[in-house]
Amino acid sequence: MNTVFRVALLSVLVLSMAACTKKTKQVEPEPQPYTPPVADTTPVNDGKYSPEDLDTDSCLRQRVVYFDFDQDSLKPEFTAIINCHAKYLRDRPSARITLEGNADERGSREYNHALGERRGNAVASALASGSQVNVVSYGEERPVCTSSTDSCWGQNRRVEIVYTAR
């Protein structure tokens, strides 16, 4: 009998607790006054570069391609930079660039001049922009660094991308 009494008491307690729950009244939100949508005045980005991007885009601001000693082949780490400039030239048919090939002081003047030109032509062929590109070689005549160290020579083995028309 004790168990029946306990079950009955428990049932009464559960029913009384269920009966005591409060019912909440749902409040509807106040209607907001109508405001017409604001027209979007931001320019449409069609994915094409503009002349302003030459100064703001981090990829286009990188305008120096470095080479290994006595080499005129592009290093893989400069592929992204070349691709950015190639896209800019495709997007802007009126743009013109000059590729300035340079070499370090080692080697003869004539050899370094030819090497600078080969380096400029390597970048030009990677850009594949034909008439928009002019290649100039300065050989060893325009060093960035004048010390006779490996790190300094590495800075002088380069092609600089110079925009002559944006």
N, C-alpha and C. Protein backbone atom coordinates (compact mmCIF):
# COMPACT_ATOMS: atom_id res chain seq x y z
N MET A 1 0.81 -1.17 0.00
CA MET A 1 0.00 0.00 0.00
C MET A 1 0.87 1.25 0.00
N ASN A 2 1.95 1.12 0.59
CA ASN A 2 2.87 2.25 0.65
C ASN A 2 3.28 2.71 -0.74
N THR A 3 3.55 1.81 -1.65
CA THR A 3 3.94 2.19 -3.00
C THR A 3 2.79 2.83 -3.77
N VAL A 4 1.59 2.33 -3.59
CA VAL A 4 0.45 2.92 -4.29
C VAL A 4 0.25 4.35 -3.80
N PHE A 5 0.38 4.54 -2.51
CA PHE A 5 0.22 5.87 -1.94
C PHE A 5 1.31 6.82 -2.47
N ARG A 6 2.52 6.35 -2.54
CA ARG A 6 3.61 7.19 -3.04
C ARG A 6 3.40 7.56 -4.51
N VAL A 7 2.98 6.62 -5.33
CA VAL A 7 2.74 6.88 -6.75
C VAL A 7 1.61 7.89 -6.91
N ALA A 8 0.56 7.75 -6.11
CA ALA A 8 -0.57 8.66 -6.19
C ALA A 8 -0.14 10.07 -5.76
N LEU A 9 0.65 10.16 -4.71
CA LEU A 9 1.12 11.45 -4.24
C LEU A 9 2.03 12.12 -5.27
N LEU A 10 2.87 11.34 -5.85
CA LEU A 10 3.75 11.87 -6.89
C LEU A 10 2.96 12.36 -8.10
N SER A 11 1.93 11.64 -8.48
CA SER A 11 1.08 12.04 -9.61
C SER A 11 0.37 13.35 -9.32
N VAL A 12 -0.14 13.50 -8.09
CA VAL A 12 -0.83 14.72 -7.70
C VAL A 12 0.15 15.90 -7.73
N LEU A 13 1.35 15.71 -7.25
CA LEU A 13 2.34 16.79 -7.26
C LEU A 13 2.68 17.21 -8.69
N VAL A 14 2.88 16.25 -9.57
CA VAL A 14 3.22 16.57 -10.96
C VAL A 14 2.07 17.32 -11.62
N LEU A 15 0.83 16.87 -11.41
CA LEU A 15 -0.33 17.54 -12.01
C LEU A 15 -0.51 18.95 -11.46
N SER A 16 -0.26 19.12 -10.17
CA SER A 16 -0.43 20.46 -9.59
C SER A 16 0.65 21.41 -10.10
N MET A 17 1.84 20.91 -10.30
CA MET A 17 2.90 21.77 -10.85
C MET A 17 2.60 22.14 -12.29
N ALA A 18 2.08 21.23 -13.06
CA ALA A 18 1.73 21.52 -14.45
C ALA A 18 0.60 22.52 -14.52
N ALA A 19 -0.32 22.48 -13.59
CA ALA A 19 -1.45 23.40 -13.59
C ALA A 19 -1.02 24.80 -13.18
N CYS A 20 0.10 24.94 -12.46
CA CYS A 20 0.55 26.24 -11.98
C CYS A 20 1.43 27.00 -12.97
N THR A 21 1.76 26.42 -14.09
CA THR A 21 2.62 27.13 -15.01
C THR A 21 1.91 28.35 -15.56
N LYS A 22 2.68 29.42 -15.76
CA LYS A 22 2.12 30.67 -16.27
C LYS A 22 2.06 30.61 -17.78
N LYS A 23 1.03 31.17 -18.30
CA LYS A 23 0.92 31.29 -19.73
C LYS A 23 1.41 32.69 -20.10
N THR A 24 2.29 32.74 -21.10
CA THR A 24 2.84 34.03 -21.50
C THR A 24 2.01 34.59 -22.64
N LYS A 25 1.86 35.86 -22.60
CA LYS A 25 1.11 36.54 -23.64
C LYS A 25 2.09 37.02 -24.70
N GLN A 26 1.83 36.67 -25.93
CA GLN A 26 2.72 37.11 -27.01
C GLN A 26 2.38 38.53 -27.40
N VAL A 27 3.43 39.36 -27.42
CA VAL A 27 3.27 40.75 -27.79
C VAL A 27 3.77 40.90 -29.23
N GLU A 28 2.90 41.41 -30.06
CA GLU A 28 3.29 41.62 -31.45
C GLU A 28 4.12 42.88 -31.55
N PRO A 29 5.18 42.84 -32.39
CA PRO A 29 6.02 44.04 -32.52
C PRO A 29 5.25 45.17 -33.19
N GLU A 30 5.64 46.37 -32.79
CA GLU A 30 4.98 47.54 -33.37
C GLU A 30 5.40 47.66 -34.83
N PRO A 31 4.51 48.03 -35.71
CA PRO A 31 4.88 48.18 -37.12
C PRO A 31 5.81 49.38 -37.30
N GLN A 32 6.84 49.17 -38.08
CA GLN A 32 7.81 50.23 -38.35
C GLN A 32 7.33 51.06 -39.53
N PRO A 33 7.62 52.35 -39.51
CA PRO A 33 7.24 53.17 -40.66
C PRO A 33 8.03 52.74 -41.89
N TYR A 34 7.42 52.85 -43.05
CA TYR A 34 8.06 52.44 -44.31
C TYR A 34 9.16 53.41 -44.69
N THR A 35 10.34 52.86 -44.96
CA THR A 35 11.44 53.66 -45.49
C THR A 35 11.85 53.06 -46.81
N PRO A 36 11.92 53.86 -47.85
CA PRO A 36 12.30 53.31 -49.16
C PRO A 36 13.75 52.83 -49.14
N PRO A 37 14.07 51.80 -49.93
CA PRO A 37 15.46 51.31 -49.96
C PRO A 37 16.39 52.36 -50.53
N VAL A 38 17.61 52.40 -49.98
CA VAL A 38 18.62 53.35 -50.42
C VAL A 38 19.33 52.77 -51.64
N ALA A 39 19.47 53.57 -52.67
CA ALA A 39 20.15 53.12 -53.88
C ALA A 39 21.64 52.96 -53.60
N ASP A 40 22.22 51.89 -54.08
CA ASP A 40 23.65 51.62 -53.90
C ASP A 40 24.43 52.46 -54.90
N THR A 41 25.28 53.35 -54.37
CA THR A 41 26.04 54.23 -55.26
C THR A 41 27.49 53.79 -55.40
N THR A 42 27.85 52.65 -54.83
CA THR A 42 29.23 52.18 -54.97
C THR A 42 29.44 51.69 -56.39
N PRO A 43 30.62 51.93 -56.94
CA PRO A 43 30.87 51.51 -58.31
C PRO A 43 30.87 49.98 -58.42
N VAL A 44 30.45 49.51 -59.55
CA VAL A 44 30.42 48.08 -59.80
C VAL A 44 31.84 47.60 -60.06
N ASN A 45 32.25 46.57 -59.34
CA ASN A 45 33.58 46.02 -59.53
C ASN A 45 33.46 44.88 -60.53
N ASP A 46 33.91 45.14 -61.73
CA ASP A 46 33.80 44.11 -62.77
C ASP A 46 35.04 43.22 -62.82
N GLY A 47 35.91 43.35 -61.83
CA GLY A 47 37.10 42.51 -61.77
C GLY A 47 38.27 43.03 -62.57
N LYS A 48 38.12 44.18 -63.20
CA LYS A 48 39.20 44.74 -64.00
C LYS A 48 40.00 45.73 -63.16
N TYR A 49 41.28 45.78 -63.45
CA TYR A 49 42.15 46.74 -62.78
C TYR A 49 41.91 48.14 -63.33
N SER A 50 42.11 49.13 -62.47
CA SER A 50 42.05 50.53 -62.89
C SER A 50 43.43 51.15 -62.62
N PRO A 51 43.72 52.32 -63.17
CA PRO A 51 45.02 52.94 -62.92
C PRO A 51 45.32 53.17 -61.45
N GLU A 52 44.29 53.39 -60.63
CA GLU A 52 44.51 53.60 -59.20
C GLU A 52 45.07 52.35 -58.53
N ASP A 53 44.77 51.18 -59.11
CA ASP A 53 45.24 49.93 -58.52
C ASP A 53 46.77 49.81 -58.55
N LEU A 54 47.43 50.52 -59.45
CA LEU A 54 48.89 50.47 -59.49
C LEU A 54 49.50 50.96 -58.18
N ASP A 55 48.80 51.85 -57.49
CA ASP A 55 49.32 52.39 -56.24
C ASP A 55 48.72 51.72 -55.01
N THR A 56 47.59 51.03 -55.17
CA THR A 56 46.92 50.46 -54.00
C THR A 56 46.99 48.94 -53.93
N ASP A 57 47.01 48.26 -55.05
CA ASP A 57 47.02 46.80 -55.04
C ASP A 57 48.41 46.29 -54.66
N SER A 58 48.46 45.42 -53.66
CA SER A 58 49.76 44.96 -53.15
C SER A 58 50.53 44.17 -54.20
N CYS A 59 49.84 43.47 -55.05
CA CYS A 59 50.53 42.69 -56.09
C CYS A 59 51.12 43.60 -57.17
N LEU A 60 50.38 44.61 -57.57
CA LEU A 60 50.85 45.52 -58.62
C LEU A 60 51.94 46.47 -58.13
N ARG A 61 52.00 46.70 -56.81
CA ARG A 61 53.05 47.59 -56.29
C ARG A 61 54.41 46.91 -56.31
N GLN A 62 54.44 45.60 -56.41
CA GLN A 62 55.71 44.88 -56.49
C GLN A 62 56.15 44.91 -57.95
N ARG A 63 57.19 45.66 -58.22
CA ARG A 63 57.60 45.88 -59.61
C ARG A 63 59.05 45.51 -59.87
N VAL A 64 59.61 44.63 -59.08
CA VAL A 64 60.97 44.18 -59.30
C VAL A 64 60.98 42.65 -59.30
N VAL A 65 61.61 42.08 -60.33
CA VAL A 65 61.76 40.63 -60.45
C VAL A 65 63.25 40.33 -60.35
N TYR A 66 63.63 39.47 -59.42
CA TYR A 66 65.04 39.15 -59.20
C TYR A 66 65.41 37.83 -59.86
N PHE A 67 66.69 37.70 -60.20
CA PHE A 67 67.19 36.52 -60.91
C PHE A 67 68.38 35.93 -60.17
N ASP A 68 68.64 34.66 -60.45
CA ASP A 68 69.82 34.00 -59.90
C ASP A 68 71.04 34.42 -60.70
N PHE A 69 72.22 34.14 -60.16
CA PHE A 69 73.48 34.48 -60.80
C PHE A 69 73.57 33.87 -62.19
N ASP A 70 73.87 34.71 -63.16
CA ASP A 70 74.10 34.29 -64.55
C ASP A 70 72.89 33.56 -65.15
N GLN A 71 71.69 33.91 -64.71
CA GLN A 71 70.47 33.27 -65.19
C GLN A 71 69.50 34.30 -65.76
N ASP A 72 68.71 33.86 -66.74
CA ASP A 72 67.66 34.72 -67.26
C ASP A 72 66.30 34.04 -67.18
N SER A 73 66.20 32.96 -66.41
CA SER A 73 64.91 32.28 -66.25
C SER A 73 64.22 32.81 -65.00
N LEU A 74 62.89 32.93 -65.09
CA LEU A 74 62.11 33.47 -63.99
C LEU A 74 62.05 32.50 -62.82
N LYS A 75 62.16 33.03 -61.62
CA LYS A 75 62.00 32.21 -60.42
C LYS A 75 60.50 32.00 -60.17
N PRO A 76 60.11 30.85 -59.65
CA PRO A 76 58.68 30.58 -59.41
C PRO A 76 58.02 31.57 -58.45
N GLU A 77 58.78 32.13 -57.52
CA GLU A 77 58.15 33.04 -56.56
C GLU A 77 57.70 34.36 -57.17
N PHE A 78 58.10 34.62 -58.41
CA PHE A 78 57.68 35.86 -59.07
C PHE A 78 56.54 35.64 -60.07
N THR A 79 56.03 34.44 -60.15
CA THR A 79 54.94 34.13 -61.09
C THR A 79 53.69 34.94 -60.78
N ALA A 80 53.33 35.04 -59.50
CA ALA A 80 52.12 35.78 -59.12
C ALA A 80 52.24 37.26 -59.51
N ILE A 81 53.41 37.85 -59.29
CA ILE A 81 53.61 39.26 -59.64
C ILE A 81 53.48 39.45 -61.15
N ILE A 82 54.10 38.56 -61.92
CA ILE A 82 54.02 38.65 -63.37
C ILE A 82 52.56 38.51 -63.83
N ASN A 83 51.83 37.59 -63.22
CA ASN A 83 50.43 37.38 -63.60
C ASN A 83 49.57 38.61 -63.29
N CYS A 84 49.84 39.28 -62.17
CA CYS A 84 49.09 40.51 -61.85
C CYS A 84 49.33 41.59 -62.89
N HIS A 85 50.60 41.78 -63.26
CA HIS A 85 50.91 42.81 -64.25
C HIS A 85 50.38 42.42 -65.64
N ALA A 86 50.39 41.15 -65.95
CA ALA A 86 49.83 40.69 -67.23
C ALA A 86 48.32 40.97 -67.28
N LYS A 87 47.63 40.71 -66.17
CA LYS A 87 46.18 40.99 -66.12
C LYS A 87 45.93 42.48 -66.24
N TYR A 88 46.75 43.29 -65.58
CA TYR A 88 46.58 44.74 -65.69
C TYR A 88 46.72 45.18 -67.15
N LEU A 89 47.72 44.65 -67.83
CA LEU A 89 47.92 45.04 -69.24
C LEU A 89 46.77 44.55 -70.11
N ARG A 90 46.20 43.39 -69.81
CA ARG A 90 45.02 42.92 -70.57
C ARG A 90 43.81 43.81 -70.30
N ASP A 91 43.64 44.22 -69.04
CA ASP A 91 42.50 45.05 -68.66
C ASP A 91 42.63 46.48 -69.18
N ARG A 92 43.85 46.95 -69.36
CA ARG A 92 44.11 48.33 -69.76
C ARG A 92 44.92 48.34 -71.04
N PRO A 93 44.30 48.22 -72.21
CA PRO A 93 45.04 48.16 -73.48
C PRO A 93 45.87 49.42 -73.76
N SER A 94 45.55 50.53 -73.12
CA SER A 94 46.32 51.76 -73.35
C SER A 94 47.57 51.83 -72.46
N ALA A 95 47.71 50.91 -71.53
CA ALA A 95 48.87 50.92 -70.62
C ALA A 95 50.12 50.48 -71.37
N ARG A 96 51.24 51.06 -70.97
CA ARG A 96 52.55 50.73 -71.56
C ARG A 96 53.56 50.58 -70.43
N ILE A 97 54.46 49.61 -70.59
CA ILE A 97 55.50 49.42 -69.59
C ILE A 97 56.86 49.30 -70.25
N THR A 98 57.87 49.65 -69.49
CA THR A 98 59.25 49.43 -69.90
C THR A 98 59.86 48.47 -68.89
N LEU A 99 60.48 47.43 -69.39
CA LEU A 99 61.16 46.46 -68.55
C LEU A 99 62.65 46.78 -68.58
N GLU A 100 63.18 47.16 -67.44
CA GLU A 100 64.58 47.58 -67.35
C GLU A 100 65.41 46.42 -66.79
N GLY A 101 66.16 45.75 -67.66
CA GLY A 101 66.99 44.63 -67.25
C GLY A 101 68.31 45.09 -66.68
N ASN A 102 68.74 44.45 -65.59
CA ASN A 102 69.98 44.82 -64.91
C ASN A 102 70.78 43.57 -64.55
N ALA A 103 72.07 43.77 -64.34
CA ALA A 103 72.96 42.67 -63.95
C ALA A 103 73.89 43.20 -62.86
N ASP A 104 74.58 42.27 -62.18
CA ASP A 104 75.57 42.72 -61.19
C ASP A 104 76.88 43.05 -61.90
N GLU A 105 77.87 43.47 -61.14
CA GLU A 105 79.12 43.96 -61.72
C GLU A 105 80.03 42.89 -62.26
N ARG A 106 79.76 41.62 -61.96
CA ARG A 106 80.64 40.55 -62.42
C ARG A 106 80.36 40.28 -63.90
N GLY A 107 81.36 40.05 -64.66
CA GLY A 107 81.22 39.84 -66.10
C GLY A 107 81.60 41.09 -66.86
N SER A 108 81.79 40.94 -68.16
CA SER A 108 82.17 42.10 -68.98
C SER A 108 80.96 43.01 -69.18
N ARG A 109 81.22 44.22 -69.57
CA ARG A 109 80.16 45.20 -69.81
C ARG A 109 79.19 44.70 -70.89
N GLU A 110 79.73 44.15 -71.97
CA GLU A 110 78.90 43.65 -73.07
C GLU A 110 78.07 42.44 -72.63
N TYR A 111 78.70 41.53 -71.87
CA TYR A 111 77.97 40.35 -71.40
C TYR A 111 76.82 40.76 -70.48
N ASN A 112 77.07 41.68 -69.54
CA ASN A 112 76.04 42.11 -68.61
C ASN A 112 74.91 42.86 -69.33
N HIS A 113 75.24 43.60 -70.35
CA HIS A 113 74.22 44.28 -71.13
C HIS A 113 73.32 43.25 -71.83
N ALA A 114 73.93 42.23 -72.42
CA ALA A 114 73.16 41.18 -73.09
C ALA A 114 72.33 40.38 -72.08
N LEU A 115 72.90 40.11 -70.89
CA LEU A 115 72.18 39.38 -69.86
C LEU A 115 70.97 40.18 -69.36
N GLY A 116 71.14 41.48 -69.17
CA GLY A 116 70.02 42.33 -68.76
C GLY A 116 68.91 42.32 -69.80
N GLU A 117 69.29 42.31 -71.06
CA GLU A 117 68.28 42.25 -72.13
C GLU A 117 67.55 40.90 -72.13
N ARG A 118 68.30 39.81 -71.94
CA ARG A 118 67.67 38.49 -71.89
C ARG A 118 66.70 38.40 -70.71
N ARG A 119 67.07 38.97 -69.60
CA ARG A 119 66.19 38.98 -68.42
C ARG A 119 64.91 39.78 -68.70
N GLY A 120 65.08 40.94 -69.33
CA GLY A 120 63.91 41.74 -69.70
C GLY A 120 63.01 41.01 -70.67
N ASN A 121 63.60 40.32 -71.65
CA ASN A 121 62.81 39.56 -72.62
C ASN A 121 62.11 38.38 -71.96
N ALA A 122 62.73 37.78 -70.94
CA ALA A 122 62.08 36.67 -70.22
C ALA A 122 60.81 37.16 -69.53
N VAL A 123 60.88 38.33 -68.90
CA VAL A 123 59.69 38.90 -68.24
C VAL A 123 58.66 39.29 -69.30
N ALA A 124 59.12 39.87 -70.41
CA ALA A 124 58.20 40.28 -71.47
C ALA A 124 57.44 39.08 -72.05
N SER A 125 58.14 37.98 -72.27
CA SER A 125 57.45 36.81 -72.82
C SER A 125 56.47 36.23 -71.80
N ALA A 126 56.77 36.33 -70.51
CA ALA A 126 55.83 35.86 -69.49
C ALA A 126 54.60 36.76 -69.42
N LEU A 127 54.78 38.05 -69.68
CA LEU A 127 53.64 38.97 -69.69
C LEU A 127 52.76 38.76 -70.91
N ALA A 128 53.36 38.37 -72.03
CA ALA A 128 52.63 38.11 -73.28
C ALA A 128 51.72 39.27 -73.66
N SER A 129 52.26 40.48 -73.65
CA SER A 129 51.46 41.65 -73.96
C SER A 129 51.94 42.40 -75.19
N GLY A 130 52.86 41.84 -75.92
CA GLY A 130 53.29 42.37 -77.21
C GLY A 130 53.64 43.82 -77.26
N SER A 131 52.81 44.62 -77.94
CA SER A 131 53.13 46.01 -78.22
C SER A 131 53.08 46.92 -77.00
N GLN A 132 52.60 46.44 -75.88
CA GLN A 132 52.53 47.27 -74.68
C GLN A 132 53.85 47.27 -73.90
N VAL A 133 54.80 46.44 -74.32
CA VAL A 133 56.02 46.23 -73.56
C VAL A 133 57.24 46.69 -74.35
N ASN A 134 58.14 47.41 -73.67
CA ASN A 134 59.41 47.82 -74.24
C ASN A 134 60.50 47.31 -73.31
N VAL A 135 61.55 46.70 -73.87
CA VAL A 135 62.63 46.15 -73.06
C VAL A 135 63.88 47.01 -73.25
N VAL A 136 64.50 47.39 -72.13
CA VAL A 136 65.73 48.16 -72.12
C VAL A 136 66.70 47.45 -71.19
N SER A 137 67.97 47.38 -71.58
CA SER A 137 68.97 46.78 -70.72
C SER A 137 69.97 47.83 -70.27
N TYR A 138 70.21 47.86 -68.96
CA TYR A 138 71.22 48.75 -68.42
C TYR A 138 72.46 47.99 -67.98
N GLY A 139 72.43 46.68 -68.09
CA GLY A 139 73.58 45.88 -67.69
C GLY A 139 73.95 46.16 -66.25
N GLU A 140 75.20 46.52 -66.02
CA GLU A 140 75.69 46.81 -64.67
C GLU A 140 75.69 48.30 -64.36
N GLU A 141 75.13 49.13 -65.26
CA GLU A 141 75.24 50.58 -65.14
C GLU A 141 74.38 51.20 -64.05
N ARG A 142 73.32 50.55 -63.62
CA ARG A 142 72.42 51.13 -62.62
C ARG A 142 72.29 50.21 -61.40
N PRO A 143 73.34 50.09 -60.61
CA PRO A 143 73.24 49.21 -59.44
C PRO A 143 72.38 49.84 -58.35
N VAL A 144 71.68 48.99 -57.62
CA VAL A 144 70.93 49.43 -56.45
C VAL A 144 71.84 49.44 -55.24
N CYS A 145 72.77 48.51 -55.23
CA CYS A 145 73.71 48.36 -54.12
C CYS A 145 75.11 48.30 -54.72
N THR A 146 76.07 48.97 -54.07
CA THR A 146 77.40 49.06 -54.65
C THR A 146 78.46 48.24 -53.92
N SER A 147 78.10 47.52 -52.89
CA SER A 147 79.07 46.66 -52.19
C SER A 147 79.37 45.43 -53.04
N SER A 148 80.51 44.86 -52.82
CA SER A 148 80.88 43.64 -53.56
C SER A 148 80.62 42.42 -52.68
N THR A 149 79.33 42.19 -52.38
CA THR A 149 78.92 41.04 -51.57
C THR A 149 77.83 40.29 -52.31
N ASP A 150 77.62 39.02 -51.92
CA ASP A 150 76.59 38.21 -52.58
C ASP A 150 75.20 38.82 -52.44
N SER A 151 74.87 39.31 -51.24
CA SER A 151 73.53 39.88 -51.05
C SER A 151 73.34 41.14 -51.89
N CYS A 152 74.38 41.92 -52.03
CA CYS A 152 74.32 43.14 -52.83
C CYS A 152 74.21 42.79 -54.32
N TRP A 153 74.98 41.84 -54.76
CA TRP A 153 74.90 41.42 -56.16
C TRP A 153 73.50 40.87 -56.47
N GLY A 154 72.91 40.17 -55.50
CA GLY A 154 71.55 39.64 -55.69
C GLY A 154 70.52 40.73 -55.91
N GLN A 155 70.71 41.88 -55.27
CA GLN A 155 69.79 43.01 -55.45
C GLN A 155 69.95 43.65 -56.83
N ASN A 156 71.12 43.51 -57.43
CA ASN A 156 71.38 44.12 -58.73
C ASN A 156 70.95 43.24 -59.90
N ARG A 157 70.73 41.95 -59.66
CA ARG A 157 70.28 41.04 -60.73
C ARG A 157 68.76 41.10 -60.79
N ARG A 158 68.23 42.03 -61.59
CA ARG A 158 66.80 42.30 -61.53
C ARG A 158 66.27 42.85 -62.84
N VAL A 159 64.94 42.83 -62.94
CA VAL A 159 64.21 43.55 -63.98
C VAL A 159 63.20 44.42 -63.24
N GLU A 160 63.22 45.70 -63.54
CA GLU A 160 62.27 46.63 -62.94
C GLU A 160 61.15 46.89 -63.94
N ILE A 161 59.91 46.83 -63.46
CA ILE A 161 58.73 47.10 -64.28
C ILE A 161 58.35 48.56 -64.06
N VAL A 162 58.44 49.35 -65.12
CA VAL A 162 58.16 50.79 -65.04
C VAL A 162 56.98 51.09 -65.96
N TYR A 163 55.92 51.65 -65.40
CA TYR A 163 54.75 52.00 -66.21
C TYR A 163 54.97 53.38 -66.83
N THR A 164 54.95 53.42 -68.15
CA THR A 164 55.13 54.69 -68.85
C THR A 164 53.78 55.30 -69.23
N ALA A 165 52.74 54.49 -69.30
CA ALA A 165 51.36 54.96 -69.52
C ALA A 165 50.46 54.04 -68.70
N ARG A 166 49.58 54.65 -67.95
CA ARG A 166 48.70 53.87 -67.07
C ARG A 166 47.45 53.50 -67.80
